[in-house]
Amino acid sequence: MTTESSEPFTTLTWDYDTISLGGETAVVVPLHEFRVLRALADAASPEALEQAEGAAFSAELKEWREAGCPGALSHEEFMALTLESPQQPPTTNARDDGNAEQTGSS
């Protein structure tokens, strides 16, 4: 007697290590599994790719909310940052002796 699984056969494990690269979290994936995922993306329709992007964004948003929305700003904080006057960069004035003088608002 054999039993049949209701789940499709897959070689993908979905259990990966993560690393931090340039402020982003990256997933360490076995090369074969990466190639399978890339082949699926290459074969997918534009609509399927758009759905996958939406699902990925929803998952990221859920994780961000579960983590307490790190980096989020209140409306007041955002408006304060947005409405701040930009600082003027110092300008350089050449003097007769060839030395430069820094001027600007302090």
Protein backbone atom coordinates (compact mmCIF):
# COMPACT_ATOMS: atom_id res chain seq x y z
CA MET A 1 0.00 0.00 0.00
CA THR A 2 1.33 3.43 -0.90
CA THR A 3 0.26 6.81 0.35
CA GLU A 4 0.02 9.85 -1.81
CA SER A 5 0.88 13.26 -0.55
CA SER A 6 -1.55 16.07 -1.21
CA GLU A 7 1.40 18.46 -1.51
CA PRO A 8 3.33 18.72 -4.79
CA PHE A 9 6.87 17.37 -4.85
CA THR A 10 9.47 20.10 -4.48
CA THR A 11 13.19 20.28 -3.94
CA LEU A 12 12.95 23.71 -2.32
CA THR A 13 13.54 23.70 1.42
CA TRP A 14 12.37 27.22 2.43
CA ASP A 15 14.75 27.05 5.38
CA TYR A 16 17.56 29.52 4.70
CA ASP A 17 20.21 31.46 6.56
CA THR A 18 20.19 35.24 6.27
CA ILE A 19 23.04 37.71 6.17
CA SER A 20 23.21 41.50 6.26
CA LEU A 21 24.64 43.23 3.20
CA GLY A 22 24.69 47.00 2.89
CA GLY A 23 21.81 47.53 5.30
CA GLU A 24 19.66 44.92 3.58
CA THR A 25 18.93 41.40 4.70
CA ALA A 26 19.90 38.80 2.11
CA VAL A 27 19.05 35.11 1.97
CA VAL A 28 21.69 32.44 1.49
CA VAL A 29 20.17 30.00 -0.99
CA PRO A 30 21.67 26.83 -2.44
CA LEU A 31 22.61 27.51 -6.07
CA HIS A 32 20.26 24.83 -7.44
CA GLU A 33 17.29 26.33 -5.61
CA PHE A 34 18.22 29.81 -6.85
CA ARG A 35 18.29 28.47 -10.41
CA VAL A 36 14.86 26.86 -9.94
CA LEU A 37 13.41 30.12 -8.62
CA ARG A 38 15.01 32.10 -11.44
CA ALA A 39 13.63 29.64 -14.04
CA LEU A 40 10.16 30.02 -12.50
CA ALA A 41 10.45 33.81 -12.65
CA ASP A 42 11.62 33.64 -16.27
CA ALA A 43 8.69 31.39 -17.23
CA ALA A 44 6.05 33.36 -15.31
CA SER A 45 3.61 35.71 -16.99
CA PRO A 46 3.83 39.44 -16.24
CA GLU A 47 0.60 39.10 -14.24
CA ALA A 48 2.04 36.26 -12.13
CA LEU A 49 5.20 38.28 -11.47
CA GLU A 50 3.09 41.25 -10.40
CA GLN A 51 1.09 39.03 -8.04
CA ALA A 52 4.32 37.61 -6.58
CA GLU A 53 5.72 41.13 -6.04
CA GLY A 54 2.49 42.10 -4.26
CA ALA A 55 2.61 39.01 -2.06
CA ALA A 56 6.26 39.70 -1.20
CA PHE A 57 5.46 43.31 -0.31
CA SER A 58 2.55 42.19 1.89
CA ALA A 59 4.82 39.73 3.71
CA GLU A 60 7.47 42.44 4.25
CA LEU A 61 4.83 44.86 5.54
CA LYS A 62 3.48 42.23 7.95
CA GLU A 63 6.99 41.50 9.29
CA TRP A 64 7.67 45.24 9.67
CA ARG A 65 4.45 45.74 11.63
CA GLU A 66 5.14 42.69 13.82
CA ALA A 67 8.59 44.16 14.57
CA GLY A 68 6.95 47.35 15.86
CA CYS A 69 7.43 49.44 12.68
CA PRO A 70 11.14 50.19 13.18
CA GLY A 71 12.20 53.44 11.59
CA ALA A 72 8.67 54.77 11.26
CA LEU A 73 8.12 58.46 11.92
CA SER A 74 5.09 60.15 13.39
CA HIS A 75 3.35 62.76 11.27
CA GLU A 76 4.88 65.49 13.42
CA GLU A 77 8.40 64.07 13.06
CA PHE A 78 7.99 63.74 9.30
CA MET A 79 6.69 67.29 8.92
CA ALA A 80 9.52 68.67 11.07
CA LEU A 81 12.08 66.93 8.85
CA THR A 82 10.31 67.95 5.67
CA LEU A 83 9.88 71.60 6.61
CA GLU A 84 13.40 72.15 8.00
CA SER A 85 15.31 74.74 6.03
CA PRO A 86 18.29 73.19 4.32
CA GLN A 87 21.65 74.31 5.65
CA GLN A 88 23.66 76.40 3.24
CA PRO A 89 26.97 74.80 2.33
CA PRO A 90 30.02 76.93 3.06
CA THR A 91 31.29 78.93 0.13
CA THR A 92 34.97 79.43 -0.65
CA ASN A 93 36.41 82.90 -1.26
CA ALA A 94 39.91 83.09 -2.66
CA ARG A 95 42.22 85.59 -0.98
CA ASP A 96 45.17 87.36 -2.57
CA ASP A 97 47.70 85.15 -0.78
CA GLY A 98 46.31 82.00 -2.41
CA ASN A 99 44.72 80.65 0.77
CA ALA A 100 41.02 79.93 0.84
CA GLU A 101 38.65 81.31 3.44
CA GLN A 102 35.55 79.40 4.52
CA THR A 103 32.42 81.49 4.94
CA GLY A 104 28.85 80.52 5.53
CA SER A 105 26.05 80.62 8.04
CA SER A 106 26.68 79.01 11.40
